[in-house]
Amino acid sequence: MARRKPKPEPTRTEVLDCIVTACPNCGKPMWVNYENTRVSVMLKEVVKLRLRIRRCQNQDCDRYHKPHRPECEGGWALPQHEFGLDVLAAIGNRRYRHHETVGEIHWAGRGADPLADAVAHFLKVTRSYWSGLFHCYAVPGLPRTNNDLEQLFGQHRYLERRMTGRKVASPALVVRGSVRIVAAVMTRLRPFTAADLAAASVDEWQSLRADLAAARHKRTLQRRFRQNPHAYLAELESRLAPTRQVGRVDRGDPGFHVGNHALAHKSIFVQDPKAPASKAYAQLVGRLVKQVGGA
């Protein structure tokens, strides 16, 4: 696993020298030839070890120029290991005696709460939240997630089918669902009286009814288009196409060219009767834009 943080800086330095200064093979003295350094991470500190390496200088010895490392190095850390023996002992004790997970051992070694990072991240993210963003938590019983909303809608559709005897939900639920579902949910919570209805704003009520009527009108137009797209587009074309009475006109009149366009206008269904409805609608809009632009 790649290292994501730099190595910690040592807090102190420890010099380690060999206890045996004579060659164990020939008995002649071994001189300090060079030094090695390594950093060992302990539980409470980070120690930099300076190792004085000795070598035998007797050319006739079998251990000639072979490094002899300090004997006490093994009391600090294992060869080529970054962490000290006290860290390995603490981890082994927690892992095999107390049966802790790797995550629990990690957090215990840091001396922090396992949820500290999660809490810090949550606090960092919630700094960007403004007042009223989570209004659902301020209202008891209000659905807070998409799953809760889907369950609420399902309950309303079920109750509506039981009351009306329909096999499926009413199509009007799509248009007036913003009012019907709210009314159904609120009436299950408590009964409403005439005084509650009188306290409502008449202007807001009229505005709401106007919005619902506009949405219903859009649905009506969509149904007409699906039932007979050719007749719907022909009627739309007749309303939008510029008309002009046929008679004597002044060629200097700016509306003369528009009148010519109107006289030469033909239905797009006559030009291409097999065109699909979407293509016919696109052709109609394109022709109207060109006519308005030329005028």
Protein backbone atom coordinates (compact mmCIF):
# COMPACT_ATOMS: atom_id res chain seq x y z
CA MET A 1 0.00 0.00 0.00
CA ALA A 2 1.42 3.38 -0.99
CA ARG A 3 2.24 5.86 1.76
CA ARG A 4 -0.20 8.77 1.87
CA LYS A 5 1.60 10.82 4.52
CA PRO A 6 5.29 11.67 4.98
CA LYS A 7 7.33 9.80 7.55
CA PRO A 8 7.19 11.37 11.01
CA GLU A 9 10.16 13.40 12.16
CA PRO A 10 12.30 11.77 14.90
CA THR A 11 11.91 13.13 18.41
CA ARG A 12 15.32 11.95 19.62
CA THR A 13 18.47 10.19 18.39
CA GLU A 14 20.00 7.05 19.84
CA VAL A 15 23.56 5.90 19.01
CA LEU A 16 24.07 2.12 19.00
CA ASP A 17 27.56 0.57 19.10
CA CYS A 18 28.72 -3.01 19.05
CA ILE A 19 29.36 -4.66 22.40
CA VAL A 20 31.84 -7.08 20.86
CA THR A 21 34.72 -5.15 19.32
CA ALA A 22 36.93 -8.17 18.49
CA CYS A 23 36.30 -10.45 15.53
CA PRO A 24 34.59 -13.65 16.74
CA ASN A 25 36.55 -15.62 14.13
CA CYS A 26 40.14 -14.44 14.36
CA GLY A 27 40.00 -12.43 17.58
CA LYS A 28 41.53 -9.31 16.08
CA PRO A 29 39.87 -5.92 16.66
CA MET A 30 37.08 -4.72 14.42
CA TRP A 31 37.13 -1.03 13.63
CA VAL A 32 34.14 1.23 13.01
CA ASN A 33 33.95 1.38 9.22
CA TYR A 34 30.75 3.39 8.61
CA GLU A 35 27.40 4.36 10.13
CA ASN A 36 23.84 3.53 9.14
CA THR A 37 20.72 5.37 10.21
CA ARG A 38 17.14 4.14 10.52
CA VAL A 39 13.98 5.55 12.05
CA SER A 40 11.90 3.42 14.39
CA VAL A 41 8.35 4.42 15.30
CA MET A 42 7.48 3.55 18.90
CA LEU A 43 4.19 3.88 20.74
CA LYS A 44 5.10 7.15 22.42
CA GLU A 45 7.99 8.50 20.37
CA VAL A 46 9.92 8.32 17.10
CA VAL A 47 13.58 7.40 17.53
CA LYS A 48 16.38 7.86 15.02
CA LEU A 49 18.94 5.07 15.41
CA ARG A 50 22.58 5.69 14.44
CA LEU A 51 24.21 2.30 13.96
CA ARG A 52 28.00 2.02 14.07
CA ILE A 53 28.96 -0.82 11.76
CA ARG A 54 32.29 -2.56 12.39
CA ARG A 55 34.36 -4.74 10.06
CA CYS A 56 37.24 -7.10 10.50
CA GLN A 57 40.41 -5.78 8.83
CA ASN A 58 42.31 -9.09 8.79
CA GLN A 59 42.57 -10.20 5.16
CA ASP A 60 43.25 -13.81 6.17
CA CYS A 61 40.00 -13.98 8.21
CA ASP A 62 36.89 -15.52 6.78
CA ARG A 63 34.89 -12.50 8.07
CA TYR A 64 37.11 -9.97 6.33
CA HIS A 65 35.10 -6.81 5.57
CA LYS A 66 31.84 -8.43 6.55
CA PRO A 67 29.64 -5.96 8.50
CA HIS A 68 29.04 -6.54 12.17
CA ARG A 69 25.95 -4.63 13.34
CA PRO A 70 25.23 -3.59 16.95
CA GLU A 71 23.73 -6.44 18.97
CA CYS A 72 21.16 -4.20 20.70
CA GLU A 73 19.58 -3.23 17.38
CA GLY A 74 17.28 -6.25 17.65
CA GLY A 75 15.87 -4.84 20.89
CA TRP A 76 14.45 -1.84 19.05
CA ALA A 77 12.90 -3.21 15.86
CA LEU A 78 12.99 -6.14 13.49
CA PRO A 79 15.25 -5.95 10.41
CA GLN A 80 13.81 -3.70 7.68
CA HIS A 81 10.81 -2.86 9.86
CA GLU A 82 9.67 0.71 10.47
CA PHE A 83 7.72 0.09 13.70
CA GLY A 84 9.30 -0.88 16.97
CA LEU A 85 8.80 -4.06 18.94
CA ASP A 86 6.49 -2.35 21.44
CA VAL A 87 4.09 -1.49 18.61
CA LEU A 88 4.09 -5.08 17.35
CA ALA A 89 3.52 -6.40 20.85
CA ALA A 90 0.60 -4.01 21.45
CA ILE A 91 -1.03 -4.93 18.13
CA GLY A 92 -0.61 -8.65 18.73
CA ASN A 93 -2.12 -8.34 22.18
CA ARG A 94 -5.18 -6.49 20.89
CA ARG A 95 -5.61 -8.67 17.82
CA TYR A 96 -5.18 -12.15 19.25
CA ARG A 97 -6.10 -11.63 22.90
CA HIS A 98 -8.95 -9.13 22.70
CA HIS A 99 -9.97 -10.08 19.12
CA GLU A 100 -10.21 -6.47 17.96
CA THR A 101 -10.56 -5.58 14.30
CA VAL A 102 -7.92 -3.72 12.31
CA GLY A 103 -10.02 -0.55 12.41
CA GLU A 104 -10.41 -0.72 16.19
CA ILE A 105 -6.67 -1.25 16.61
CA HIS A 106 -5.97 1.68 14.31
CA TRP A 107 -8.21 4.07 16.23
CA ALA A 108 -6.95 2.83 19.60
CA GLY A 109 -3.38 3.48 18.50
CA ARG A 110 -4.28 7.03 17.58
CA GLY A 111 -6.05 7.52 20.88
CA ALA A 112 -9.16 8.90 19.15
CA ASP A 113 -12.79 8.05 18.81
CA PRO A 114 -13.51 5.74 15.81
CA LEU A 115 -16.14 8.27 14.67
CA ALA A 116 -13.84 11.29 14.95
CA ASP A 117 -13.09 11.52 11.22
CA ALA A 118 -16.74 10.95 10.30
CA VAL A 119 -17.88 13.66 12.72
CA ALA A 120 -15.23 16.08 11.43
CA HIS A 121 -16.31 15.45 7.84
CA PHE A 122 -19.96 15.92 8.78
CA LEU A 123 -19.22 19.23 10.48
CA LYS A 124 -17.21 20.38 7.47
CA VAL A 125 -20.01 19.55 5.03
CA THR A 126 -22.82 20.98 7.16
CA ARG A 127 -21.13 24.38 7.32
CA SER A 128 -22.54 25.03 3.84
CA TYR A 129 -26.11 24.25 4.89
CA TRP A 130 -28.45 27.16 5.44
CA SER A 131 -31.39 27.59 7.75
CA GLY A 132 -34.50 25.78 6.54
CA LEU A 133 -32.68 23.40 4.17
CA PHE A 134 -33.91 20.36 6.11
CA HIS A 135 -37.40 21.58 6.85
CA CYS A 136 -38.67 18.00 6.88
CA TYR A 137 -36.89 17.38 10.20
CA ALA A 138 -38.74 20.30 11.81
CA VAL A 139 -42.18 18.80 11.08
CA PRO A 140 -43.02 15.58 12.93
CA GLY A 141 -44.33 12.82 10.69
CA LEU A 142 -43.27 14.50 7.42
CA PRO A 143 -41.62 12.04 4.95
CA ARG A 144 -37.88 12.68 4.89
CA THR A 145 -36.58 10.37 2.16
CA ASN A 146 -37.64 9.27 -1.32
CA ASN A 147 -38.58 5.86 0.04
CA ASP A 148 -40.87 7.46 2.62
CA LEU A 149 -42.50 9.56 -0.10
CA GLU A 150 -43.03 6.52 -2.34
CA GLN A 151 -44.64 4.69 0.58
CA LEU A 152 -46.89 7.70 1.22
CA PHE A 153 -47.96 7.84 -2.44
CA GLY A 154 -48.60 4.10 -2.45
CA GLN A 155 -50.83 4.34 0.59
CA HIS A 156 -52.84 7.15 -1.03
CA ARG A 157 -53.29 5.21 -4.27
CA TYR A 158 -54.40 2.15 -2.30
CA LEU A 159 -56.97 4.12 -0.31
CA GLU A 160 -58.23 5.85 -3.44
CA ARG A 161 -58.75 2.52 -5.21
CA ARG A 162 -60.65 1.20 -2.17
CA MET A 163 -62.92 4.27 -2.10
CA THR A 164 -63.62 4.55 -5.84
CA GLY A 165 -63.55 0.88 -6.81
CA ARG A 166 -60.95 1.53 -9.54
CA LYS A 167 -58.35 -1.06 -10.43
CA VAL A 168 -55.74 1.64 -10.97
CA ALA A 169 -55.22 5.12 -9.58
CA SER A 170 -57.21 8.01 -11.00
CA PRO A 171 -55.52 9.85 -13.92
CA ALA A 172 -56.45 13.12 -12.23
CA LEU A 173 -53.91 12.30 -9.54
CA VAL A 174 -51.16 13.39 -11.92
CA VAL A 175 -52.68 16.84 -12.42
CA ARG A 176 -54.16 17.49 -8.98
CA GLY A 177 -51.88 15.29 -6.90
CA SER A 178 -50.17 18.28 -5.28
CA VAL A 179 -53.52 19.17 -3.70
CA ARG A 180 -55.28 15.84 -3.30
CA ILE A 181 -52.42 14.01 -1.59
CA VAL A 182 -51.78 16.87 0.84
CA ALA A 183 -55.47 17.08 1.67
CA ALA A 184 -55.73 13.30 2.17
CA VAL A 185 -52.69 13.20 4.46
CA MET A 186 -53.75 16.19 6.56
CA THR A 187 -57.32 14.98 7.04
CA ARG A 188 -55.99 11.70 8.42
CA LEU A 189 -54.03 13.62 11.04
CA ARG A 190 -56.91 15.74 12.35
CA PRO A 191 -60.39 16.89 11.28
CA PHE A 192 -60.80 20.35 9.74
CA THR A 193 -63.65 22.71 10.51
CA ALA A 194 -65.23 25.64 8.72
CA ALA A 195 -63.15 28.00 10.84
CA ASP A 196 -59.97 26.42 9.45
CA LEU A 197 -61.19 26.89 5.88
CA ALA A 198 -62.25 30.49 6.52
CA ALA A 199 -58.78 31.37 7.76
CA ALA A 200 -57.25 30.51 4.36
CA SER A 201 -56.39 33.28 1.91
CA VAL A 202 -58.88 33.63 -0.94
CA ASP A 203 -56.24 35.06 -3.29
CA GLU A 204 -53.93 32.10 -2.72
CA TRP A 205 -56.85 29.74 -3.28
CA GLN A 206 -57.74 31.40 -6.57
CA SER A 207 -54.11 31.36 -7.69
CA LEU A 208 -53.87 27.67 -6.88
CA ARG A 209 -57.03 26.91 -8.82
CA ALA A 210 -55.68 28.84 -11.80
CA ASP A 211 -52.47 26.80 -11.74
CA LEU A 212 -54.46 23.56 -11.59
CA ALA A 213 -56.67 24.68 -14.46
CA ALA A 214 -53.61 25.50 -16.57
CA ALA A 215 -52.12 22.08 -15.86
CA ARG A 216 -55.43 20.40 -16.76
CA HIS A 217 -55.59 22.36 -20.02
CA LYS A 218 -52.11 21.14 -20.97
CA ARG A 219 -53.18 17.57 -20.33
CA THR A 220 -56.28 18.11 -22.46
CA LEU A 221 -54.18 19.37 -25.36
CA GLN A 222 -51.86 16.40 -25.04
CA ARG A 223 -54.81 14.00 -25.15
CA ARG A 224 -56.20 15.69 -28.26
CA PHE A 225 -52.83 15.47 -29.97
CA ARG A 226 -52.52 11.75 -29.16
CA GLN A 227 -56.03 11.01 -30.42
CA ASN A 228 -55.77 12.86 -33.74
CA PRO A 229 -52.38 14.52 -34.32
CA HIS A 230 -53.18 15.56 -37.92
CA ALA A 231 -56.35 17.42 -36.98
CA TYR A 232 -54.68 19.01 -33.96
CA LEU A 233 -51.76 20.32 -35.99
CA ALA A 234 -54.01 21.48 -38.80
CA GLU A 235 -56.06 23.52 -36.33
CA LEU A 236 -52.90 24.93 -34.79
CA GLU A 237 -51.59 25.77 -38.22
CA SER A 238 -54.78 27.58 -39.15
CA ARG A 239 -54.57 29.69 -36.01
CA LEU A 240 -50.93 30.66 -36.38
CA ALA A 241 -50.73 31.09 -40.19
CA PRO A 242 -50.98 34.77 -41.23
CA THR A 243 -54.12 35.61 -43.21
CA ARG A 244 -54.92 38.53 -45.41
CA GLN A 245 -57.98 39.43 -47.41
CA VAL A 246 -57.59 39.01 -51.14
CA GLY A 247 -58.06 42.25 -53.05
CA ARG A 248 -56.21 45.20 -54.43
CA VAL A 249 -53.07 45.78 -52.45
CA ASP A 250 -50.36 48.34 -52.62
CA ARG A 251 -47.04 46.76 -53.50
CA GLY A 252 -45.36 49.35 -51.33
CA ASP A 253 -47.24 48.06 -48.34
CA PRO A 254 -44.86 46.07 -46.05
CA GLY A 255 -47.63 43.56 -45.49
CA PHE A 256 -47.84 42.71 -49.19
CA HIS A 257 -45.20 40.00 -48.92
CA VAL A 258 -46.95 38.49 -45.92
CA GLY A 259 -50.15 38.40 -47.97
CA ASN A 260 -48.37 36.58 -50.75
CA HIS A 261 -47.10 34.02 -48.29
CA ALA A 262 -50.61 33.57 -46.94
CA LEU A 263 -52.09 33.08 -50.41
CA ALA A 264 -49.41 30.58 -51.37
CA HIS A 265 -49.64 28.75 -48.05
CA LYS A 266 -50.45 25.05 -48.18
CA SER A 267 -50.86 22.57 -45.42
CA ILE A 268 -47.79 20.52 -44.57
CA PHE A 269 -49.98 17.40 -44.65
CA VAL A 270 -50.76 18.08 -48.32
CA GLN A 271 -47.04 18.32 -49.05
CA ASP A 272 -46.08 15.24 -47.06
CA PRO A 273 -49.14 13.23 -45.93
CA LYS A 274 -46.99 10.35 -44.63
CA ALA A 275 -44.88 12.51 -42.36
CA PRO A 276 -45.06 11.52 -38.67
CA ALA A 277 -46.65 13.92 -36.23
CA SER A 278 -43.35 15.02 -34.67
CA LYS A 279 -41.84 15.76 -38.07
CA ALA A 280 -44.97 17.59 -39.19
CA TYR A 281 -44.91 19.73 -36.06
CA ALA A 282 -41.24 20.59 -36.62
CA GLN A 283 -41.94 21.55 -40.24
CA LEU A 284 -44.86 23.71 -39.16
CA VAL A 285 -42.81 25.59 -36.58
CA GLY A 286 -39.99 26.08 -39.07
CA ARG A 287 -42.31 27.54 -41.70
CA LEU A 288 -43.93 29.88 -39.21
CA VAL A 289 -40.55 31.13 -38.00
CA LYS A 290 -39.47 31.83 -41.57
CA GLN A 291 -42.71 33.69 -42.29
CA VAL A 292 -42.43 35.82 -39.18
CA GLY A 293 -38.78 36.54 -39.92
CA GLY A 294 -39.53 37.50 -43.53
CA ALA A 295 -42.27 39.82 -42.46
